[in-house]
PDB file of N, CA and C in Angstrom:
ATOM      1  N   MET A   1    -185.871 -66.675 138.156  1.00  0.00           N
ATOM      2  CA  MET A   1    -186.792 -66.280 137.522  1.00  0.00           C
ATOM      3  C   MET A   1    -187.063 -66.418 136.356  1.00  0.00           C
ATOM      4  N   GLU A   2    -188.161 -65.892 136.736  1.00  0.00           N
ATOM      5  CA  GLU A   2    -189.098 -65.674 134.945  1.00  0.00           C
ATOM      6  C   GLU A   2    -188.669 -64.909 134.411  1.00  0.00           C
ATOM      7  N   THR A   3    -187.894 -64.488 132.539  1.00  0.00           N
ATOM      8  CA  THR A   3    -187.579 -64.393 131.979  1.00  0.00           C
ATOM      9  C   THR A   3    -188.588 -64.316 130.012  1.00  0.00           C
ATOM     10  N   SER A   4    -188.279 -63.942 129.406  1.00  0.00           N
ATOM     11  CA  SER A   4    -189.361 -64.318 128.002  1.00  0.00           C
ATOM     12  C   SER A   4    -187.445 -65.120 127.511  1.00  0.00           C
ATOM     13  N   ASP A   5    -188.235 -64.761 126.250  1.00  0.00           N
ATOM     14  CA  ASP A   5    -186.965 -65.406 125.605  1.00  0.00           C
ATOM     15  C   ASP A   5    -185.751 -65.280 125.680  1.00  0.00           C
ATOM     16  N   ASP A   6    -185.768 -64.165 124.802  1.00  0.00           N
ATOM     17  CA  ASP A   6    -184.472 -63.396 124.877  1.00  0.00           C
ATOM     18  C   ASP A   6    -183.404 -62.394 126.204  1.00  0.00           C
ATOM     19  N   GLU A   7    -184.239 -62.651 127.480  1.00  0.00           N
ATOM     20  CA  GLU A   7    -183.797 -61.783 128.334  1.00  0.00           C
ATOM     21  C   GLU A   7    -182.399 -63.010 128.305  1.00  0.00           C
ATOM     22  N   PRO A   8    -182.263 -64.576 128.682  1.00  0.00           N
ATOM     23  CA  PRO A   8    -181.224 -64.924 129.585  1.00  0.00           C
ATOM     24  C   PRO A   8    -180.215 -64.733 128.571  1.00  0.00           C
ATOM     25  N   THR A   9    -180.267 -64.678 126.760  1.00  0.00           N
ATOM     26  CA  THR A   9    -179.181 -64.117 126.254  1.00  0.00           C
ATOM     27  C   THR A   9    -178.901 -62.802 126.596  1.00  0.00           C
ATOM     28  N   PHE A  10    -179.455 -61.777 127.017  1.00  0.00           N
ATOM     29  CA  PHE A  10    -179.110 -60.548 126.752  1.00  0.00           C
ATOM     30  C   PHE A  10    -178.767 -60.097 128.281  1.00  0.00           C
ATOM     31  N   LEU A  11    -178.826 -61.049 129.535  1.00  0.00           N
ATOM     32  CA  LEU A  11    -178.742 -60.949 130.377  1.00  0.00           C
ATOM     33  C   LEU A  11    -177.009 -61.407 131.121  1.00  0.00           C
ATOM     34  N   ARG A  12    -176.937 -62.565 130.291  1.00  0.00           N
ATOM     35  CA  ARG A  12    -175.882 -63.484 130.170  1.00  0.00           C
ATOM     36  C   ARG A  12    -174.324 -62.198 130.113  1.00  0.00           C
ATOM     37  N   ASP A  13    -174.877 -61.611 128.144  1.00  0.00           N
ATOM     38  CA  ASP A  13    -173.673 -60.602 127.931  1.00  0.00           C
ATOM     39  C   ASP A  13    -173.547 -59.806 128.361  1.00  0.00           C
ATOM     40  N   LEU A  14    -174.421 -59.391 129.519  1.00  0.00           N
ATOM     41  CA  LEU A  14    -174.436 -58.008 130.157  1.00  0.00           C
ATOM     42  C   LEU A  14    -173.607 -58.493 131.372  1.00  0.00           C
ATOM     43  N   ILE A  15    -173.841 -59.495 132.002  1.00  0.00           N
ATOM     44  CA  ILE A  15    -172.850 -60.111 133.059  1.00  0.00           C
ATOM     45  C   ILE A  15    -171.620 -60.016 132.463  1.00  0.00           C
ATOM     46  N   LYS A  16    -171.585 -61.118 131.288  1.00  0.00           N
ATOM     47  CA  LYS A  16    -169.959 -61.038 131.028  1.00  0.00           C
ATOM     48  C   LYS A  16    -169.324 -59.841 130.503  1.00  0.00           C
ATOM     49  N   ALA A  17    -170.242 -58.941 129.654  1.00  0.00           N
ATOM     50  CA  ALA A  17    -169.308 -57.927 129.297  1.00  0.00           C
ATOM     51  C   ALA A  17    -168.605 -56.613 130.861  1.00  0.00           C
ATOM     52  N   SER A  18    -169.222 -57.078 131.486  1.00  0.00           N
ATOM     53  CA  SER A  18    -169.690 -56.104 133.004  1.00  0.00           C
ATOM     54  C   SER A  18    -167.986 -56.570 133.454  1.00  0.00           C
ATOM     55  N   ARG A  19    -167.647 -57.731 133.441  1.00  0.00           N
ATOM     56  CA  ARG A  19    -166.260 -58.885 133.988  1.00  0.00           C
ATOM     57  C   ARG A  19    -164.940 -58.279 132.814  1.00  0.00           C
ATOM     58  N   GLN A  20    -165.159 -57.910 132.234  1.00  0.00           N
ATOM     59  CA  GLN A  20    -163.955 -57.121 131.388  1.00  0.00           C
ATOM     60  C   GLN A  20    -164.034 -55.711 131.553  1.00  0.00           C
ATOM     61  N   ARG A  21    -162.767 -55.935 131.168  1.00  0.00           N
ATOM     62  CA  ARG A  21    -162.196 -54.690 131.053  1.00  0.00           C
ATOM     63  C   ARG A  21    -162.340 -53.642 130.405  1.00  0.00           C
ATOM     64  N   PRO A  22    -163.277 -52.070 130.285  1.00  0.00           N
ATOM     65  CA  PRO A  22    -163.726 -51.495 129.001  1.00  0.00           C
ATOM     66  C   PRO A  22    -162.286 -50.751 128.471  1.00  0.00           C
ATOM     67  N   THR A  23    -162.818 -50.848 127.408  1.00  0.00           N
ATOM     68  CA  THR A  23    -161.381 -49.942 126.064  1.00  0.00           C
ATOM     69  C   THR A  23    -162.731 -47.888 126.692  1.00  0.00           C
ATOM     70  N   LEU A  24    -161.386 -47.428 126.730  1.00  0.00           N
ATOM     71  CA  LEU A  24    -162.381 -46.290 126.388  1.00  0.00           C
ATOM     72  C   LEU A  24    -162.260 -45.723 124.500  1.00  0.00           C
ATOM     73  N   ALA A  25    -162.920 -44.914 123.977  1.00  0.00           N
ATOM     74  CA  ALA A  25    -162.276 -44.532 122.468  1.00  0.00           C
ATOM     75  C   ALA A  25    -163.002 -43.295 122.659  1.00  0.00           C
ATOM     76  N   ARG A  26    -161.911 -42.263 122.474  1.00  0.00           N
ATOM     77  CA  ARG A  26    -162.105 -40.397 122.631  1.00  0.00           C
ATOM     78  C   ARG A  26    -162.519 -40.557 121.396  1.00  0.00           C
ATOM     79  N   TRP A  27    -163.598 -39.908 121.002  1.00  0.00           N
ATOM     80  CA  TRP A  27    -164.216 -38.985 119.588  1.00  0.00           C
ATOM     81  C   TRP A  27    -164.789 -37.589 119.500  1.00  0.00           C
ATOM     82  N   THR A  28    -164.300 -37.339 118.994  1.00  0.00           N
ATOM     83  CA  THR A  28    -165.391 -35.674 118.394  1.00  0.00           C
ATOM     84  C   THR A  28    -166.824 -36.302 117.611  1.00  0.00           C
ATOM     85  N   ASP A  29    -168.004 -35.518 118.176  1.00  0.00           N
ATOM     86  CA  ASP A  29    -169.346 -35.841 117.917  1.00  0.00           C
ATOM     87  C   ASP A  29    -169.354 -34.939 117.074  1.00  0.00           C
ATOM     88  N   ARG A  30    -170.493 -34.932 115.994  1.00  0.00           N
ATOM     89  CA  ARG A  30    -170.840 -34.026 115.075  1.00  0.00           C
ATOM     90  C   ARG A  30    -171.428 -33.041 115.210  1.00  0.00           C
ATOM     91  N   ASP A  31    -171.435 -32.670 116.620  1.00  0.00           N
ATOM     92  CA  ASP A  31    -171.504 -31.142 116.870  1.00  0.00           C
ATOM     93  C   ASP A  31    -170.395 -30.643 117.610  1.00  0.00           C
ATOM     94  N   GLY A  32    -169.495 -30.850 117.671  1.00  0.00           N
ATOM     95  CA  GLY A  32    -167.937 -30.910 118.346  1.00  0.00           C
ATOM     96  C   GLY A  32    -167.678 -31.203 119.880  1.00  0.00           C
ATOM     97  N   SER A  33    -168.705 -32.059 120.241  1.00  0.00           N
ATOM     98  CA  SER A  33    -168.357 -32.142 121.661  1.00  0.00           C
ATOM     99  C   SER A  33    -167.219 -33.301 121.814  1.00  0.00           C
ATOM    100  N   ALA A  34    -166.359 -33.206 122.890  1.00  0.00           N
ATOM    101  CA  ALA A  34    -165.147 -34.474 122.871  1.00  0.00           C
ATOM    102  C   ALA A  34    -166.147 -35.864 123.663  1.00  0.00           C
ATOM    103  N   ARG A  35    -166.155 -36.645 123.065  1.00  0.00           N
ATOM    104  CA  ARG A  35    -166.653 -38.002 123.699  1.00  0.00           C
ATOM    105  C   ARG A  35    -166.198 -38.888 124.046  1.00  0.00           C
ATOM    106  N   GLN A  36    -166.403 -40.238 125.104  1.00  0.00           N
ATOM    107  CA  GLN A  36    -166.311 -40.844 125.358  1.00  0.00           C
ATOM    108  C   GLN A  36    -166.553 -42.424 124.819  1.00  0.00           C
ATOM    109  N   THR A  37    -166.646 -43.543 125.052  1.00  0.00           N
ATOM    110  CA  THR A  37    -167.058 -44.031 124.818  1.00  0.00           C
ATOM    111  C   THR A  37    -166.539 -45.649 125.153  1.00  0.00           C
ATOM    112  N   ALA A  38    -167.033 -46.325 126.314  1.00  0.00           N
ATOM    113  CA  ALA A  38    -166.689 -47.483 127.006  1.00  0.00           C
ATOM    114  C   ALA A  38    -166.994 -48.631 125.971  1.00  0.00           C
ATOM    115  N   LEU A  39    -166.138 -49.804 125.804  1.00  0.00           N
ATOM    116  CA  LEU A  39    -165.850 -50.895 124.636  1.00  0.00           C
ATOM    117  C   LEU A  39    -165.586 -52.292 125.504  1.00  0.00           C
ATOM    118  N   THR A  40    -166.211 -52.663 125.247  1.00  0.00           N
ATOM    119  CA  THR A  40    -165.483 -54.292 125.242  1.00  0.00           C
ATOM    120  C   THR A  40    -164.625 -54.530 124.257  1.00  0.00           C
ATOM    121  N   PRO A  41    -163.862 -55.134 125.176  1.00  0.00           N
ATOM    122  CA  PRO A  41    -162.928 -55.777 123.568  1.00  0.00           C
ATOM    123  C   PRO A  41    -162.878 -56.740 122.451  1.00  0.00           C
ATOM    124  N   ALA A  42    -164.103 -57.043 122.406  1.00  0.00           N
ATOM    125  CA  ALA A  42    -164.148 -57.718 120.979  1.00  0.00           C
ATOM    126  C   ALA A  42    -164.931 -56.372 120.815  1.00  0.00           C
ATOM    127  N   GLU A  43    -165.948 -55.377 120.903  1.00  0.00           N
ATOM    128  CA  GLU A  43    -165.930 -53.908 120.175  1.00  0.00           C
ATOM    129  C   GLU A  43    -164.903 -53.632 119.740  1.00  0.00           C
ATOM    130  N   ALA A  44    -164.250 -53.010 120.481  1.00  0.00           N
ATOM    131  CA  ALA A  44    -162.650 -52.577 120.287  1.00  0.00           C
ATOM    132  C   ALA A  44    -162.000 -52.775 119.315  1.00  0.00           C
ATOM    133  N   SER A  45    -162.335 -54.409 119.500  1.00  0.00           N
ATOM    134  CA  SER A  45    -161.470 -54.938 118.508  1.00  0.00           C
ATOM    135  C   SER A  45    -162.029 -54.957 116.916  1.00  0.00           C
ATOM    136  N   ARG A  46    -163.209 -55.011 116.774  1.00  0.00           N
ATOM    137  CA  ARG A  46    -163.941 -54.948 116.054  1.00  0.00           C
ATOM    138  C   ARG A  46    -163.399 -53.671 115.299  1.00  0.00           C
ATOM    139  N   LEU A  47    -163.898 -52.536 115.836  1.00  0.00           N
ATOM    140  CA  LEU A  47    -164.286 -50.880 115.334  1.00  0.00           C
ATOM    141  C   LEU A  47    -162.520 -50.417 115.698  1.00  0.00           C
ATOM    142  N   ASN A  48    -161.231 -51.525 115.987  1.00  0.00           N
ATOM    143  CA  ASN A  48    -160.223 -51.478 115.137  1.00  0.00           C
ATOM    144  C   ASN A  48    -159.863 -52.094 113.680  1.00  0.00           C
ATOM    145  N   THR A  49    -160.484 -53.133 113.648  1.00  0.00           N
ATOM    146  CA  THR A  49    -160.657 -53.739 112.281  1.00  0.00           C
ATOM    147  C   THR A  49    -160.892 -52.444 111.653  1.00  0.00           C
ATOM    148  N   ILE A  50    -162.815 -52.512 111.512  1.00  0.00           N
ATOM    149  CA  ILE A  50    -162.913 -51.532 110.372  1.00  0.00           C
ATOM    150  C   ILE A  50    -162.372 -50.352 110.332  1.00  0.00           C
ATOM    151  N   ALA A  51    -161.625 -49.582 111.829  1.00  0.00           N
ATOM    152  CA  ALA A  51    -160.818 -48.058 111.115  1.00  0.00           C
ATOM    153  C   ALA A  51    -159.825 -48.902 110.633  1.00  0.00           C
ATOM    154  N   HIS A  52    -159.314 -49.808 110.163  1.00  0.00           N
ATOM    155  CA  HIS A  52    -157.730 -49.926 109.336  1.00  0.00           C
ATOM    156  C   HIS A  52    -158.378 -50.714 108.500  1.00  0.00           C
ATOM    157  N   ARG A  53    -159.285 -51.503 107.915  1.00  0.00           N
ATOM    158  CA  ARG A  53    -159.374 -51.236 106.576  1.00  0.00           C
ATOM    159  C   ARG A  53    -159.781 -49.918 105.722  1.00  0.00           C
ATOM    160  N   LEU A  54    -160.542 -49.234 106.759  1.00  0.00           N
ATOM    161  CA  LEU A  54    -160.885 -47.975 106.135  1.00  0.00           C
ATOM    162  C   LEU A  54    -159.771 -47.210 106.423  1.00  0.00           C
ATOM    163  N   GLY A  55    -158.581 -47.213 106.437  1.00  0.00           N
ATOM    164  CA  GLY A  55    -157.557 -46.592 106.696  1.00  0.00           C
ATOM    165  C   GLY A  55    -157.671 -45.243 107.186  1.00  0.00           C
ATOM    166  N   LEU A  56    -158.594 -45.497 108.276  1.00  0.00           N
ATOM    167  CA  LEU A  56    -158.536 -44.326 109.548  1.00  0.00           C
ATOM    168  C   LEU A  56    -158.604 -44.508 110.439  1.00  0.00           C
ATOM    169  N   SER A  57    -158.746 -43.520 111.942  1.00  0.00           N
ATOM    170  CA  SER A  57    -158.470 -44.371 113.461  1.00  0.00           C
ATOM    171  C   SER A  57    -160.162 -44.162 114.074  1.00  0.00           C
ATOM    172  N   PRO A  58    -159.691 -45.149 114.980  1.00  0.00           N
ATOM    173  CA  PRO A  58    -161.001 -45.066 115.470  1.00  0.00           C
ATOM    174  C   PRO A  58    -161.668 -44.124 116.121  1.00  0.00           C
ATOM    175  N   GLY A  59    -161.414 -43.165 116.352  1.00  0.00           N
ATOM    176  CA  GLY A  59    -162.385 -41.823 116.443  1.00  0.00           C
ATOM    177  C   GLY A  59    -162.614 -41.524 115.512  1.00  0.00           C
ATOM    178  N   GLU A  60    -162.191 -41.432 113.640  1.00  0.00           N
ATOM    179  CA  GLU A  60    -162.775 -40.697 113.066  1.00  0.00           C
ATOM    180  C   GLU A  60    -163.559 -41.558 112.667  1.00  0.00           C
ATOM    181  N   VAL A  61    -163.202 -43.371 112.941  1.00  0.00           N
ATOM    182  CA  VAL A  61    -164.955 -43.787 112.408  1.00  0.00           C
ATOM    183  C   VAL A  61    -166.622 -43.818 112.855  1.00  0.00           C
ATOM    184  N   LEU A  62    -165.456 -43.172 114.478  1.00  0.00           N
ATOM    185  CA  LEU A  62    -166.874 -43.014 114.934  1.00  0.00           C
ATOM    186  C   LEU A  62    -167.552 -41.552 115.060  1.00  0.00           C
ATOM    187  N   ARG A  63    -166.795 -40.550 113.894  1.00  0.00           N
ATOM    188  CA  ARG A  63    -166.506 -39.358 114.133  1.00  0.00           C
ATOM    189  C   ARG A  63    -168.271 -39.634 112.544  1.00  0.00           C
ATOM    190  N   ARG A  64    -167.417 -40.098 111.876  1.00  0.00           N
ATOM    191  CA  ARG A  64    -168.002 -40.325 111.036  1.00  0.00           C
ATOM    192  C   ARG A  64    -169.291 -41.315 111.180  1.00  0.00           C
ATOM    193  N   ALA A  65    -169.521 -42.343 111.538  1.00  0.00           N
ATOM    194  CA  ALA A  65    -170.406 -43.243 112.429  1.00  0.00           C
ATOM    195  C   ALA A  65    -172.306 -42.078 112.599  1.00  0.00           C
ATOM    196  N   ALA A  66    -171.229 -41.004 113.240  1.00  0.00           N
ATOM    197  CA  ALA A  66    -172.072 -40.830 114.240  1.00  0.00           C
ATOM    198  C   ALA A  66    -173.372 -39.844 112.849  1.00  0.00           C
ATOM    199  N   HIS A  67    -172.663 -39.346 111.857  1.00  0.00           N
ATOM    200  CA  HIS A  67    -173.958 -38.885 110.239  1.00  0.00           C
ATOM    201  C   HIS A  67    -174.582 -39.911 110.018  1.00  0.00           C
ATOM    202  N   ILE A  68    -174.100 -41.620 110.644  1.00  0.00           N
ATOM    203  CA  ILE A  68    -175.483 -42.230 109.985  1.00  0.00           C
ATOM    204  C   ILE A  68    -176.449 -42.711 110.368  1.00  0.00           C
ATOM    205  N   PRO A  69    -177.889 -42.004 109.759  1.00  0.00           N
ATOM    206  CA  PRO A  69    -179.468 -42.195 110.303  1.00  0.00           C
ATOM    207  C   PRO A  69    -179.484 -43.473 110.896  1.00  0.00           C
ATOM    208  N   VAL A  70    -180.260 -42.948 111.849  1.00  0.00           N
ATOM    209  CA  VAL A  70    -180.532 -44.341 112.811  1.00  0.00           C
ATOM    210  C   VAL A  70    -182.110 -44.728 111.889  1.00  0.00           C
ATOM    211  N   PRO A  71    -182.193 -45.862 111.568  1.00  0.00           N
ATOM    212  CA  PRO A  71    -183.684 -46.916 111.208  1.00  0.00           C
ATOM    213  C   PRO A  71    -185.169 -46.397 112.387  1.00  0.00           C
ATOM    214  N   PRO A  72    -185.490 -46.026 111.226  1.00  0.00           N
ATOM    215  CA  PRO A  72    -186.943 -45.457 111.721  1.00  0.00           C
ATOM    216  C   PRO A  72    -187.716 -46.463 113.446  1.00  0.00           C
ATOM    217  N   ASP A  73    -187.028 -48.307 112.954  1.00  0.00           N
ATOM    218  CA  ASP A  73    -187.766 -49.360 114.043  1.00  0.00           C
ATOM    219  C   ASP A  73    -186.681 -49.067 115.535  1.00  0.00           C
ATOM    220  N   ALA A  74    -185.425 -48.727 115.186  1.00  0.00           N
ATOM    221  CA  ALA A  74    -184.712 -48.314 116.805  1.00  0.00           C
ATOM    222  C   ALA A  74    -185.322 -46.982 117.235  1.00  0.00           C
ATOM    223  N   ARG A  75    -185.778 -45.697 116.944  1.00  0.00           N
ATOM    224  CA  ARG A  75    -186.432 -44.718 117.121  1.00  0.00           C
ATOM    225  C   ARG A  75    -187.110 -45.329 118.193  1.00  0.00           C
ATOM    226  N   ARG A  76    -188.486 -46.533 117.900  1.00  0.00           N
ATOM    227  CA  ARG A  76    -189.326 -46.615 118.695  1.00  0.00           C
ATOM    228  C   ARG A  76    -188.732 -47.246 119.876  1.00  0.00           C
ATOM    229  N   GLY A  77    -187.762 -47.884 120.527  1.00  0.00           N
ATOM    230  CA  GLY A  77    -187.264 -48.036 121.500  1.00  0.00           C
ATOM    231  C   GLY A  77    -187.220 -49.432 121.717  1.00  0.00           C
ATOM    232  N   SER A  78    -186.535 -50.191 120.236  1.00  0.00           N
ATOM    233  CA  SER A  78    -186.689 -51.235 119.810  1.00  0.00           C
ATOM    234  C   SER A  78    -185.237 -51.594 120.032  1.00  0.00           C
ATOM    235  N   ARG A  79    -184.574 -52.282 120.882  1.00  0.00           N
ATOM    236  CA  ARG A  79    -182.962 -52.355 120.001  1.00  0.00           C
ATOM    237  C   ARG A  79    -182.663 -53.297 119.048  1.00  0.00           C
ATOM    238  N   VAL A  80    -181.630 -52.725 118.394  1.00  0.00           N
ATOM    239  CA  VAL A  80    -181.381 -52.810 116.680  1.00  0.00           C
ATOM    240  C   VAL A  80    -179.926 -53.956 117.516  1.00  0.00           C
ATOM    241  N   GLU A  81    -180.214 -54.870 117.111  1.00  0.00           N
ATOM    242  CA  GLU A  81    -179.169 -56.196 117.295  1.00  0.00           C
ATOM    243  C   GLU A  81    -177.682 -55.430 116.555  1.00  0.00           C
ATOM    244  N   SER A  82    -177.444 -55.423 115.200  1.00  0.00           N
ATOM    245  CA  SER A  82    -176.987 -55.570 113.910  1.00  0.00           C
ATOM    246  C   SER A  82    -176.061 -53.664 114.332  1.00  0.00           C
ATOM    247  N   ARG A  83    -174.999 -53.286 113.754  1.00  0.00           N
ATOM    248  CA  ARG A  83    -175.034 -51.818 113.991  1.00  0.00           C
ATOM    249  C   ARG A  83    -174.290 -51.950 112.348  1.00  0.00           C
ATOM    250  N   PRO A  84    -174.635 -50.372 112.214  1.00  0.00           N
ATOM    251  CA  PRO A  84    -174.513 -50.053 110.576  1.00  0.00           C
ATOM    252  C   PRO A  84    -172.689 -49.910 110.770  1.00  0.00           C
ATOM    253  N   VAL A  85    -172.072 -50.189 109.781  1.00  0.00           N
ATOM    254  CA  VAL A  85    -170.943 -50.213 109.542  1.00  0.00           C
ATOM    255  C   VAL A  85    -170.521 -48.953 108.630  1.00  0.00           C
ATOM    256  N   PRO A  86    -170.020 -47.624 109.220  1.00  0.00           N
ATOM    257  CA  PRO A  86    -169.571 -47.150 108.113  1.00  0.00           C
ATOM    258  C   PRO A  86    -169.025 -47.045 107.129  1.00  0.00           C
ATOM    259  N   THR A  87    -168.803 -46.246 106.108  1.00  0.00           N
ATOM    260  CA  THR A  87    -168.367 -46.190 105.040  1.00  0.00           C
ATOM    261  C   THR A  87    -166.835 -45.030 104.914  1.00  0.00           C
ATOM    262  N   ALA A  88    -166.502 -45.032 103.987  1.00  0.00           N
ATOM    263  CA  ALA A  88    -165.330 -44.302 103.770  1.00  0.00           C
ATOM    264  C   ALA A  88    -166.022 -43.039 103.752  1.00  0.00           C
ATOM    265  N   GLU A  89    -166.551 -42.425 102.945  1.00  0.00           N
ATOM    266  CA  GLU A  89    -167.468 -41.318 103.181  1.00  0.00           C
ATOM    267  C   GLU A  89    -168.568 -41.033 103.887  1.00  0.00           C
ATOM    268  N   PRO A  90    -168.314 -39.701 104.324  1.00  0.00           N
ATOM    269  CA  PRO A  90    -169.641 -39.689 105.551  1.00  0.00           C
ATOM    270  C   PRO A  90    -170.766 -39.278 104.550  1.00  0.00           C
ATOM    271  N   THR A  91    -172.228 -39.677 104.789  1.00  0.00           N
ATOM    272  CA  THR A  91    -173.023 -39.359 104.081  1.00  0.00           C
ATOM    273  C   THR A  91    -173.739 -37.476 104.811  1.00  0.00           C
ATOM    274  N   GLN A  92    -174.313 -37.372 103.692  1.00  0.00           N
ATOM    275  CA  GLN A  92    -174.987 -35.720 104.005  1.00  0.00           C
ATOM    276  C   GLN A  92    -176.021 -35.538 103.797  1.00  0.00           C
ATOM    277  N   PRO A  93    -176.570 -35.692 105.251  1.00  0.00           N
ATOM    278  CA  PRO A  93    -178.183 -35.272 105.764  1.00  0.00           C
ATOM    279  C   PRO A  93    -178.742 -34.563 104.358  1.00  0.00           C
TER     280      PRO A  93
END
C-alpha cells in the first residue's frame, strides 16, 4: 500500500482507536440541541482532567468549547492536530 509520510500514523491511530471501547460524552450544543460525542478512552480521560481542573462537568466543558472560534486554516479542510483548551469563561462572539 502506497501512502504519504503522515498517512501511516493516521491509519495506525485510526485502527487503534477503533479497537477501543468508545465513551459517550453527552452535552448541549450552543443552539440548544442535545449532542453525544464518541470519545476514545484517552480523549475521555483528557476531557475529564480538563473538566476537573476547571471545576465543571465534562458536558459543560464541551458546551463552552463549542463557542471557541475555528481557526481560518481549519476551515479549508486541513486537519488540526491540537485542540484548543476551553477557558473557565466562554468567549462572547
